[in-house]
Amino acid sequence: MKYKQPQIEIMDTTLRDGEQTSGVSFVPHEKLMIARLLLEELKVDRVEVASARVSDGEFDAVKMICDWAARRNLLPKVEVLGFVDGHISVDWIHATGCRVINLLCKGSLKHCTCQLRKTPEEHIEDIIAVVNYANEQDMEVNIYLEDWSNGMKDSPEYVFQMMDALLHTNIKRYMLPDTLGVLNPLQVIEYMRKMVKRYPHAHFDFHPHNDYDLAVSNVLAAVLSGAKGLHTTINGLGERAGNAPLSSVQAILKDHFNAITNIDEGRLNEVSRVVESYSGIAIPANKPIVGENVFTQVAGVHADGDNKSNLYCNDLLPERFGRKREYALGKNSGKANIRKNLEDLGLTLDEDSMRKVTERIIELGDKKELVTQEDLPYIVSDVLKHGIMNEKVKLKTYIVNLAYGLKPMATLKIEINGQEFEESSSGDGQYDAFVRALRKIYKVTLGRRFPMLTNYAVSIPPGGRTDAFVQTVITWSFDNTVFRTRGLDADQTEAAIKATMKMLNIIEDEYKTE
């Protein structure tokens, strides 16, 4: 008998449950942008965008999303959390233009009796009244059985009583949350199989939380046991320890369970970065799939193995997720790592030169200095002393000053291909004044384009010494290319200026092709 691949429906709740992350609050236009990316770019099946009755701003955000979704025939994919409160939540959601309510009901006897102070029969009666009213408004109803995990642990008869009573309504999906993140995969398998066996025609979603770092494992267990839908968030945002991250869920479903989803993997990294920016919650560098370093080989033996039949590659190829493999430079770098980076730059070295450059990079790594790919030509030039990197832009002299009550000033003289230019400018800081003076030379005097500074990071070695080196890494955007340059000096402004001069030399060849 041929195995049938399960088709799994993904409901992303970044805009509702993810926004319950401490310190995260999306403004309406950010919510609209994220909803658009989720539905049109990532191709998630559904999005839960808010909770009813939160605020006027939340109402406006949901209305904006629903207006947009209606124009693109995506309105049935937009959902809002509502409550068992008579007509209030239904009317609030209906007024936004949304036509799907995710009704929050109690999935454990303890929640029903202690929080609502009602009997199961009274709660069921209230739920059915809301479901019937929503149906009268032509709204689709899904229900959450809140605290379902503890309900199955402590009061399974209550869970079955709820299901038996609601099964004959027009509820479309039964959503089963591990509200407090207390389950392990074996328990998920046990409880989900009981639900599926008892109610074989019901559509069950599983909603995990990550308190024990088991959310992704529990997702796999739920699918293995017959769940038809899963709830995720971008970057694992969510209350307490968060929810299951969509990127990891997608990779595991495809590679370990051979499941089918509608997710466009190639857009995962892009959407993760947008949510990172809007939420202010940084993605850990080692976070699977979307972390800064997860497709970076550090050990030289790994780069050597990749050159020999991709010995250190697995199914998580970076190209799947709109990324590329990189080879780090530092004290663990071997010649293979360095050669990979040099090949990307179009540089080739003989074995003796490779040995000298490798020794220099290891020396820098021992000092905990960051070595970027853009540093390589300068390291090569410095080590081999034969001008592989021809310095076409030179800083001849400069002065920057700072006086109380006055804007910082900078005056500089640079040489570009043998011709000298001098300019002055004020700025919001000493480095800003320096860059403004440079920009005058390039844009006003020479009529050239000047790169955009997109990120500026400063690091100081531990210990708190005032004479410690300052390492400045600046990210630039130029002609749809993003690259980084690094400067190291005891003075922060000087370190930034060194990084800037490296940038100017890197792009100098680009001007000649125009």
Protein backbone atom coordinates (compact mmCIF):
# COMPACT_ATOMS: atom_id res chain seq x y z
CA MET A 1 0.00 0.00 0.00
CA LYS A 2 1.48 3.36 -1.03
CA TYR A 3 2.02 5.81 1.81
CA LYS A 4 -0.08 8.94 1.49
CA GLN A 5 1.74 12.18 2.23
CA PRO A 6 -0.26 14.23 4.76
CA GLN A 7 -1.38 17.70 3.67
CA ILE A 8 -0.88 20.01 6.66
CA GLU A 9 -2.62 23.35 7.04
CA ILE A 10 -0.52 26.12 8.59
CA MET A 11 -2.15 28.87 10.63
CA ASP A 12 0.32 31.57 11.64
CA THR A 13 -0.49 33.56 14.75
CA THR A 14 2.45 36.00 14.86
CA LEU A 15 0.06 38.95 14.83
CA ARG A 16 -1.99 37.64 17.76
CA ASP A 17 -0.14 35.17 19.94
CA GLY A 18 3.26 36.41 18.78
CA GLU A 19 2.36 39.96 19.75
CA GLN A 20 1.91 38.70 23.31
CA THR A 21 5.71 38.50 23.52
CA SER A 22 6.84 40.85 26.28
CA GLY A 23 7.71 44.23 24.78
CA VAL A 24 6.29 43.52 21.30
CA SER A 25 3.56 45.71 19.85
CA PHE A 26 2.92 46.13 16.13
CA VAL A 27 1.36 49.31 14.80
CA PRO A 28 -1.42 48.91 12.18
CA HIS A 29 0.73 49.37 9.07
CA GLU A 30 3.26 46.84 10.43
CA LYS A 31 0.47 44.34 11.00
CA LEU A 32 -0.74 44.87 7.44
CA MET A 33 2.75 44.40 6.03
CA ILE A 34 3.32 41.19 8.01
CA ALA A 35 -0.11 39.83 7.03
CA ARG A 36 0.65 40.54 3.38
CA LEU A 37 4.02 38.79 3.61
CA LEU A 38 2.50 35.78 5.37
CA LEU A 39 -0.35 35.29 2.93
CA GLU A 40 1.10 36.44 -0.40
CA GLU A 41 4.81 35.67 -0.02
CA LEU A 42 5.04 32.74 2.41
CA LYS A 43 1.68 31.29 1.35
CA VAL A 44 0.47 30.32 4.83
CA ASP A 45 -3.06 28.95 4.77
CA ARG A 46 -4.49 31.22 7.50
CA VAL A 47 -3.43 34.11 9.72
CA GLU A 48 -4.75 35.00 13.15
CA VAL A 49 -4.28 38.75 13.33
CA ALA A 50 -5.67 39.97 16.68
CA SER A 51 -7.83 39.46 19.72
CA ALA A 52 -11.27 41.07 19.81
CA ARG A 53 -12.00 44.08 22.03
CA VAL A 54 -8.36 44.94 22.73
CA SER A 55 -8.33 48.59 21.64
CA ASP A 56 -9.44 51.07 18.99
CA GLY A 57 -6.00 50.78 17.40
CA GLU A 58 -6.37 47.02 17.16
CA PHE A 59 -9.79 47.47 15.56
CA ASP A 60 -8.27 49.77 12.95
CA ALA A 61 -5.47 47.30 12.25
CA VAL A 62 -7.86 44.40 11.73
CA LYS A 63 -10.10 46.51 9.51
CA MET A 64 -7.10 47.57 7.41
CA ILE A 65 -6.02 43.94 6.99
CA CYS A 66 -9.54 42.77 6.13
CA ASP A 67 -10.05 45.55 3.57
CA TRP A 68 -6.79 44.57 1.91
CA ALA A 69 -7.57 40.83 2.06
CA ALA A 70 -11.06 41.30 0.61
CA ARG A 71 -9.62 43.08 -2.44
CA ARG A 72 -7.36 40.06 -3.06
CA ASN A 73 -9.93 37.34 -2.32
CA LEU A 74 -8.00 36.35 0.81
CA LEU A 75 -10.58 37.34 3.44
CA PRO A 76 -11.49 33.73 4.40
CA LYS A 77 -7.86 33.27 5.46
CA VAL A 78 -7.99 36.08 8.07
CA GLU A 79 -9.06 35.13 11.60
CA VAL A 80 -9.54 36.92 14.93
CA LEU A 81 -9.63 35.48 18.45
CA GLY A 82 -12.99 36.01 20.15
CA PHE A 83 -14.50 35.20 23.51
CA VAL A 84 -17.62 33.52 24.89
CA ASP A 85 -19.25 36.85 25.77
CA GLY A 86 -22.65 36.77 24.11
CA HIS A 87 -22.72 39.07 21.08
CA ILE A 88 -19.82 41.37 22.00
CA SER A 89 -16.86 39.63 20.32
CA VAL A 90 -18.88 38.56 17.30
CA ASP A 91 -20.11 42.09 16.72
CA TRP A 92 -16.60 43.56 17.18
CA ILE A 93 -15.07 41.13 14.71
CA HIS A 94 -17.92 41.46 12.22
CA ALA A 95 -17.60 45.26 12.26
CA THR A 96 -13.92 44.99 11.21
CA GLY A 97 -14.95 43.07 8.10
CA CYS A 98 -13.48 39.79 9.34
CA ARG A 99 -15.64 36.73 8.80
CA VAL A 100 -13.81 34.05 10.84
CA ILE A 101 -13.89 33.93 14.64
CA ASN A 102 -11.59 31.68 16.67
CA LEU A 103 -13.69 31.23 19.78
CA LEU A 104 -11.73 30.80 23.02
CA CYS A 105 -13.43 28.13 25.13
CA LYS A 106 -12.26 26.23 28.18
CA GLY A 107 -10.58 22.89 27.47
CA SER A 108 -10.08 21.74 31.04
CA LEU A 109 -12.52 21.29 33.90
CA LYS A 110 -10.28 23.34 36.19
CA HIS A 111 -10.42 26.35 33.88
CA CYS A 112 -14.16 26.01 33.47
CA THR A 113 -15.01 25.77 37.14
CA CYS A 114 -12.27 27.93 38.69
CA GLN A 115 -11.98 30.75 36.15
CA LEU A 116 -15.50 30.92 34.73
CA ARG A 117 -17.13 29.54 37.89
CA LYS A 118 -19.59 27.64 35.70
CA THR A 119 -20.58 24.03 35.24
CA PRO A 120 -19.61 22.30 32.01
CA GLU A 121 -23.25 22.34 30.95
CA GLU A 122 -23.51 26.10 31.48
CA HIS A 123 -20.31 26.73 29.53
CA ILE A 124 -21.45 24.52 26.66
CA GLU A 125 -24.77 26.38 26.52
CA ASP A 126 -22.94 29.72 26.33
CA ILE A 127 -20.63 28.46 23.56
CA ILE A 128 -23.47 27.17 21.42
CA ALA A 129 -25.28 30.50 21.77
CA VAL A 130 -22.21 32.37 20.45
CA VAL A 131 -21.70 29.85 17.62
CA ASN A 132 -25.33 30.17 16.53
CA TYR A 133 -25.15 33.97 16.62
CA ALA A 134 -21.93 33.99 14.58
CA ASN A 135 -23.55 31.70 12.02
CA GLU A 136 -26.46 34.12 11.75
CA GLN A 137 -23.90 36.82 10.85
CA ASP A 138 -22.50 34.54 8.10
CA MET A 139 -19.31 34.01 10.07
CA GLU A 140 -17.22 30.85 10.19
CA VAL A 141 -16.36 29.51 13.66
CA ASN A 142 -13.30 27.64 14.90
CA ILE A 143 -12.88 26.97 18.60
CA TYR A 144 -9.89 26.84 20.89
CA LEU A 145 -10.13 24.34 23.75
CA GLU A 146 -7.88 26.41 26.03
CA ASP A 147 -5.69 24.32 28.38
CA TRP A 148 -6.60 21.20 26.40
CA SER A 149 -3.29 19.60 27.41
CA ASN A 150 -4.13 19.74 31.11
CA GLY A 151 -7.70 18.81 30.27
CA MET A 152 -6.52 15.54 28.73
CA LYS A 153 -4.19 14.97 31.68
CA ASP A 154 -6.60 15.70 34.52
CA SER A 155 -10.17 15.70 33.15
CA PRO A 156 -10.46 13.85 29.82
CA GLU A 157 -14.13 13.16 30.47
CA TYR A 158 -14.71 16.93 30.45
CA VAL A 159 -12.92 17.29 27.08
CA PHE A 160 -15.04 14.52 25.58
CA GLN A 161 -18.21 16.04 27.06
CA MET A 162 -17.36 19.31 25.32
CA MET A 163 -16.61 17.64 22.01
CA ASP A 164 -19.73 15.46 22.11
CA ALA A 165 -21.90 18.52 22.68
CA LEU A 166 -20.25 20.71 20.04
CA LEU A 167 -19.74 18.15 17.31
CA HIS A 168 -23.21 18.75 15.89
CA THR A 169 -22.73 22.50 15.43
CA ASN A 170 -21.20 24.25 12.43
CA ILE A 171 -17.79 24.57 14.08
CA LYS A 172 -15.19 24.04 11.34
CA ARG A 173 -11.99 23.40 13.28
CA TYR A 174 -11.22 22.25 16.82
CA MET A 175 -7.93 23.83 17.91
CA LEU A 176 -6.09 22.03 20.69
CA PRO A 177 -3.59 24.19 22.60
CA ASP A 178 -0.82 23.11 24.91
CA THR A 179 -1.50 26.43 26.61
CA LEU A 180 1.18 26.16 29.29
CA GLY A 181 3.68 24.18 27.22
CA VAL A 182 3.55 21.18 29.56
CA LEU A 183 3.38 18.28 27.09
CA ASN A 184 6.13 16.06 25.75
CA PRO A 185 5.94 14.29 22.37
CA LEU A 186 4.81 10.96 23.86
CA GLN A 187 1.89 12.67 25.59
CA VAL A 188 0.98 14.56 22.41
CA ILE A 189 0.86 11.26 20.53
CA GLU A 190 -1.32 9.66 23.21
CA TYR A 191 -3.81 12.52 23.56
CA MET A 192 -4.04 13.43 19.88
CA ARG A 193 -4.62 9.82 18.89
CA LYS A 194 -7.44 9.58 21.42
CA MET A 195 -9.08 12.66 19.90
CA VAL A 196 -8.68 11.45 16.31
CA LYS A 197 -9.90 7.94 17.11
CA ARG A 198 -12.97 9.19 18.96
CA TYR A 199 -13.78 11.96 16.44
CA PRO A 200 -12.41 10.73 13.09
CA HIS A 201 -14.22 13.33 10.98
CA ALA A 202 -13.23 16.37 13.03
CA HIS A 203 -10.51 18.75 11.87
CA PHE A 204 -7.96 19.16 14.67
CA ASP A 205 -5.30 21.88 14.85
CA PHE A 206 -2.44 21.67 17.34
CA HIS A 207 -1.24 24.85 19.05
CA PRO A 208 2.09 24.32 20.90
CA HIS A 209 4.00 26.46 23.37
CA ASN A 210 7.73 26.17 24.00
CA ASP A 211 8.13 26.30 27.79
CA TYR A 212 10.14 23.06 27.84
CA ASP A 213 11.74 23.72 24.44
CA LEU A 214 9.55 20.96 23.02
CA ALA A 215 7.19 22.94 20.78
CA VAL A 216 8.74 21.78 17.50
CA SER A 217 9.05 18.16 18.68
CA ASN A 218 5.42 18.24 19.80
CA VAL A 219 4.38 19.55 16.39
CA LEU A 220 5.91 16.49 14.74
CA ALA A 221 4.17 14.22 17.25
CA ALA A 222 0.82 15.89 16.54
CA VAL A 223 1.17 15.39 12.79
CA LEU A 224 2.24 11.79 13.34
CA SER A 225 -0.97 11.30 15.33
CA GLY A 226 -3.41 12.76 12.82
CA ALA A 227 -3.55 16.52 13.38
CA LYS A 228 -4.53 18.30 10.19
CA GLY A 229 -3.41 21.81 11.12
CA LEU A 230 -0.58 23.47 13.02
CA HIS A 231 -0.16 26.89 14.60
CA THR A 232 3.17 28.70 14.29
CA THR A 233 4.72 32.14 14.65
CA ILE A 234 7.58 33.81 12.81
CA ASN A 235 10.83 33.49 14.80
CA GLY A 236 8.94 31.60 17.52
CA LEU A 237 7.48 34.79 19.00
CA GLY A 238 4.94 34.24 21.75
CA GLU A 239 4.18 34.51 25.43
CA ARG A 240 6.81 33.28 27.93
CA ALA A 241 9.16 30.96 25.96
CA GLY A 242 7.26 31.49 22.74
CA ASN A 243 5.58 29.31 20.13
CA ALA A 244 6.78 26.93 17.44
CA PRO A 245 8.76 28.86 14.79
CA LEU A 246 7.37 28.45 11.28
CA SER A 247 10.81 28.02 9.72
CA SER A 248 11.71 24.99 11.87
CA VAL A 249 8.24 23.48 11.58
CA GLN A 250 8.33 23.71 7.79
CA ALA A 251 11.79 22.13 7.52
CA ILE A 252 10.89 19.25 9.85
CA LEU A 253 7.55 18.55 8.18
CA LYS A 254 9.18 18.33 4.78
CA ASP A 255 12.42 16.53 5.63
CA HIS A 256 11.38 14.24 8.48
CA PHE A 257 7.72 13.53 7.77
CA ASN A 258 7.46 14.02 4.01
CA ALA A 259 4.42 16.21 4.65
CA ILE A 260 3.02 18.69 2.18
CA THR A 261 2.39 22.35 3.00
CA ASN A 262 1.82 25.42 0.85
CA ILE A 263 4.76 27.30 2.40
CA ASP A 264 7.24 28.99 0.04
CA GLU A 265 10.49 28.15 1.84
CA GLY A 266 12.48 30.62 -0.24
CA ARG A 267 10.77 33.55 1.50
CA LEU A 268 11.21 32.38 5.10
CA ASN A 269 14.43 34.28 5.75
CA GLU A 270 13.12 37.53 4.28
CA VAL A 271 9.93 37.44 6.34
CA SER A 272 11.87 36.53 9.49
CA ARG A 273 14.08 39.60 9.05
CA VAL A 274 11.07 41.89 8.60
CA VAL A 275 9.43 40.55 11.76
CA GLU A 276 12.75 40.85 13.60
CA SER A 277 12.89 44.52 12.62
CA TYR A 278 9.27 45.32 13.51
CA SER A 279 9.26 43.35 16.78
CA GLY A 280 12.66 44.51 18.03
CA ILE A 281 13.38 40.92 19.12
CA ALA A 282 16.74 39.88 17.67
CA ILE A 283 17.04 36.46 16.04
CA PRO A 284 19.74 34.42 17.85
CA ALA A 285 22.70 33.84 15.55
CA ASN A 286 22.41 30.07 16.00
CA LYS A 287 18.63 29.81 15.51
CA PRO A 288 17.94 27.01 13.00
CA ILE A 289 17.10 28.03 9.43
CA VAL A 290 17.07 31.82 9.94
CA GLY A 291 19.99 32.47 12.32
CA GLU A 292 22.92 34.54 11.06
CA ASN A 293 25.43 31.71 11.51
CA VAL A 294 23.52 28.51 10.75
CA PHE A 295 24.84 28.23 7.19
CA THR A 296 28.37 29.28 8.11
CA GLN A 297 31.07 26.63 8.30
CA VAL A 298 33.78 27.54 10.82
CA ALA A 299 36.11 24.55 10.95
CA GLY A 300 38.46 24.33 8.00
CA VAL A 301 37.90 20.59 7.74
CA HIS A 302 34.24 21.28 6.92
CA ALA A 303 35.10 23.55 4.02
CA ASP A 304 37.54 20.90 2.80
CA GLY A 305 34.79 18.29 3.01
CA ASP A 306 32.39 20.51 1.08
CA ASN A 307 34.96 20.65 -1.70
CA LYS A 308 34.96 16.86 -1.73
CA SER A 309 31.41 15.74 -2.56
CA ASN A 310 29.67 18.05 -0.04
CA LEU A 311 30.63 15.80 2.87
CA TYR A 312 29.40 18.29 5.49
CA CYS A 313 26.08 19.23 3.88
CA ASN A 314 22.64 17.96 4.87
CA ASP A 315 19.16 18.47 3.43
CA LEU A 316 19.02 21.94 4.95
CA LEU A 317 20.60 23.56 1.93
CA PRO A 318 20.72 27.33 2.39
CA GLU A 319 19.40 27.95 -1.12
CA ARG A 320 16.09 26.40 -0.05
CA PHE A 321 15.57 29.32 2.29
CA GLY A 322 16.86 32.14 0.10
CA ARG A 323 20.34 32.04 1.64
CA LYS A 324 23.85 30.87 0.77
CA ARG A 325 26.58 28.93 2.55
CA GLU A 326 29.44 30.96 4.01
CA TYR A 327 32.85 30.03 5.39
CA ALA A 328 33.93 31.84 8.54
CA LEU A 329 37.38 33.31 8.97
CA GLY A 330 39.12 33.04 12.34
CA LYS A 331 41.45 30.91 14.42
CA ASN A 332 39.71 27.69 13.34
CA SER A 333 39.96 28.58 9.66
CA GLY A 334 41.96 26.21 7.53
CA LYS A 335 43.21 26.83 4.04
CA ALA A 336 39.98 25.42 2.62
CA ASN A 337 37.85 28.07 4.38
CA ILE A 338 40.14 30.85 3.22
CA ARG A 339 40.33 29.51 -0.32
CA LYS A 340 36.51 29.42 -0.50
CA ASN A 341 36.34 33.10 0.45
CA LEU A 342 39.13 34.06 -1.92
CA GLU A 343 37.37 32.26 -4.77
CA ASP A 344 34.26 34.33 -4.10
CA LEU A 345 36.44 37.43 -4.48
CA GLY A 346 38.10 36.15 -7.64
CA LEU A 347 41.54 35.84 -5.97
CA THR A 348 43.90 32.86 -6.25
CA LEU A 349 47.09 32.27 -4.26
CA ASP A 350 49.90 29.73 -4.40
CA GLU A 351 50.44 27.35 -1.50
CA ASP A 352 53.15 29.42 0.19
CA SER A 353 51.02 32.56 0.06
CA MET A 354 48.02 30.63 1.35
CA ARG A 355 50.08 29.44 4.30
CA LYS A 356 51.13 32.99 5.21
CA VAL A 357 47.61 34.38 4.92
CA THR A 358 46.23 31.47 6.95
CA GLU A 359 48.75 32.13 9.72
CA ARG A 360 47.77 35.81 9.79
CA ILE A 361 44.06 35.05 10.03
CA ILE A 362 44.68 32.55 12.83
CA GLU A 363 46.72 35.21 14.64
CA LEU A 364 43.83 37.67 14.33
CA GLY A 365 41.36 35.03 15.49
CA ASP A 366 43.44 34.35 18.62
CA LYS A 367 42.94 38.01 19.51
CA LYS A 368 39.16 37.52 19.09
CA GLU A 369 39.14 39.88 16.13
CA LEU A 370 36.36 39.43 13.59
CA VAL A 371 37.66 38.81 10.08
CA THR A 372 35.18 39.45 7.28
CA GLN A 373 35.42 38.41 3.66
CA GLU A 374 35.93 42.04 2.69
CA ASP A 375 39.05 42.14 4.91
CA LEU A 376 40.75 39.40 2.92
CA PRO A 377 42.27 41.55 0.14
CA TYR A 378 43.76 43.85 2.76
CA ILE A 379 45.14 40.95 4.78
CA VAL A 380 46.61 39.47 1.61
CA SER A 381 48.16 42.80 0.69
CA ASP A 382 49.51 43.33 4.20
CA VAL A 383 50.99 39.83 4.45
CA LEU A 384 52.44 39.43 0.98
CA LYS A 385 53.51 43.05 0.40
CA HIS A 386 53.02 42.92 -3.34
CA GLY A 387 49.97 45.09 -3.83
CA ILE A 388 47.19 42.62 -4.53
CA MET A 389 44.87 45.27 -3.15
CA ASN A 390 45.68 48.52 -4.92
CA GLU A 391 44.58 51.35 -2.64
CA LYS A 392 42.93 53.72 -5.10
CA VAL A 393 41.30 55.89 -2.45
CA LYS A 394 43.63 57.24 0.24
CA LEU A 395 42.90 59.41 3.24
CA LYS A 396 45.65 62.02 3.20
CA THR A 397 44.66 63.95 6.33
CA TYR A 398 41.62 64.82 8.41
CA ILE A 399 40.57 66.63 11.55
CA VAL A 400 37.40 66.18 13.58
CA ASN A 401 36.47 68.28 16.58
CA LEU A 402 33.83 68.37 19.26
CA ALA A 403 32.96 71.46 21.27
CA TYR A 404 30.28 71.89 23.92
CA GLY A 405 27.21 73.61 22.50
CA LEU A 406 28.36 73.32 18.87
CA LYS A 407 27.85 70.66 16.23
CA PRO A 408 30.89 68.45 15.57
CA MET A 409 32.96 69.46 12.53
CA ALA A 410 35.16 67.47 10.15
CA THR A 411 37.64 68.59 7.50
CA LEU A 412 39.34 66.00 5.34
CA LYS A 413 41.54 65.57 2.29
CA ILE A 414 41.38 62.37 0.23
CA GLU A 415 43.13 61.18 -2.90
CA ILE A 416 41.09 59.32 -5.51
CA ASN A 417 43.11 57.76 -8.31
CA GLY A 418 45.87 60.32 -7.80
CA GLN A 419 43.62 63.40 -7.60
CA GLU A 420 43.15 65.18 -4.27
CA PHE A 421 39.89 66.58 -2.91
CA GLU A 422 39.21 68.56 0.26
CA GLU A 423 35.89 69.21 2.00
CA SER A 424 34.38 70.17 5.37
CA SER A 425 31.03 69.52 7.01
CA SER A 426 29.19 69.50 10.33
CA GLY A 427 27.19 66.56 11.60
CA ASP A 428 25.32 65.02 14.49
CA GLY A 429 28.53 63.33 15.62
CA GLN A 430 32.19 63.28 14.67
CA TYR A 431 31.82 60.29 12.36
CA ASP A 432 28.61 61.69 10.88
CA ALA A 433 30.45 64.94 10.08
CA PHE A 434 33.24 62.95 8.42
CA VAL A 435 30.81 60.98 6.25
CA ARG A 436 28.89 64.13 5.29
CA ALA A 437 32.15 65.70 4.08
CA LEU A 438 32.92 62.56 2.08
CA ARG A 439 29.43 62.56 0.63
CA LYS A 440 29.93 66.15 -0.58
CA ILE A 441 33.03 65.10 -2.50
CA TYR A 442 31.36 62.11 -4.10
CA LYS A 443 27.89 63.48 -4.79
CA VAL A 444 28.48 67.21 -5.35
CA THR A 445 32.04 67.46 -6.66
CA LEU A 446 32.25 64.16 -8.57
CA GLY A 447 28.54 63.52 -9.27
CA ARG A 448 28.84 59.94 -8.06
CA ARG A 449 26.49 57.80 -6.00
CA PHE A 450 27.44 57.17 -2.37
CA PRO A 451 26.62 53.91 -0.52
CA MET A 452 23.97 53.84 2.19
CA LEU A 453 25.05 52.91 5.70
CA THR A 454 22.52 50.28 6.89
CA ASN A 455 24.07 49.07 10.14
CA TYR A 456 26.83 50.21 12.49
CA ALA A 457 28.07 47.84 15.18
CA VAL A 458 30.76 48.54 17.77
CA SER A 459 32.35 45.95 20.04
CA ILE A 460 34.96 46.34 22.77
CA PRO A 461 36.97 43.44 24.24
CA PRO A 462 35.89 42.49 27.79
CA GLY A 463 37.64 44.01 30.76
CA GLY A 464 36.53 47.63 30.57
CA ARG A 465 39.97 49.09 29.87
CA THR A 466 39.92 52.60 28.47
CA ASP A 467 42.82 51.75 26.15
CA ALA A 468 41.07 48.70 24.67
CA PHE A 469 40.75 48.39 20.93
CA VAL A 470 37.38 49.29 19.44
CA GLN A 471 36.12 47.12 16.59
CA THR A 472 33.64 48.76 14.23
CA VAL A 473 31.78 46.73 11.61
CA ILE A 474 29.71 48.79 9.17
CA THR A 475 27.15 47.31 6.79
CA TRP A 476 26.70 49.11 3.47
CA SER A 477 24.18 48.88 0.65
CA PHE A 478 25.34 49.77 -2.86
CA ASP A 479 23.79 48.78 -6.21
CA ASN A 480 21.53 46.18 -4.54
CA THR A 481 24.58 44.60 -2.90
CA VAL A 482 25.03 44.46 0.87
CA PHE A 483 28.53 44.08 2.31
CA ARG A 484 30.46 44.77 5.52
CA THR A 485 33.76 46.45 6.27
CA ARG A 486 35.69 46.48 9.53
CA GLY A 487 37.98 48.89 11.28
CA LEU A 488 40.04 48.33 14.40
CA ASP A 489 41.56 51.11 16.47
CA ALA A 490 41.81 52.44 20.00
CA ASP A 491 39.52 55.31 18.96
CA GLN A 492 35.95 54.55 17.89
CA THR A 493 35.80 57.32 15.29
CA GLU A 494 39.13 56.24 13.81
CA ALA A 495 37.93 52.62 13.64
CA ALA A 496 34.80 53.73 11.78
CA ILE A 497 36.87 55.86 9.40
CA LYS A 498 39.13 52.89 8.63
CA ALA A 499 36.06 50.77 7.84
CA THR A 500 34.75 53.57 5.61
CA MET A 501 37.99 53.85 3.62
CA LYS A 502 37.90 50.10 3.00
CA MET A 503 34.38 50.53 1.65
CA LEU A 504 35.45 53.30 -0.74
CA ASN A 505 38.21 51.12 -2.17
CA ILE A 506 35.88 48.16 -2.59
CA ILE A 507 33.39 50.15 -4.67
CA GLU A 508 35.90 52.17 -6.68
CA ASP A 509 35.90 49.68 -9.53
CA GLU A 510 32.12 49.99 -9.75
CA TYR A 511 32.39 53.63 -10.77
CA LYS A 512 34.66 52.76 -13.70
CA THR A 513 32.01 50.51 -15.24
CA GLU A 514 29.41 53.28 -15.37
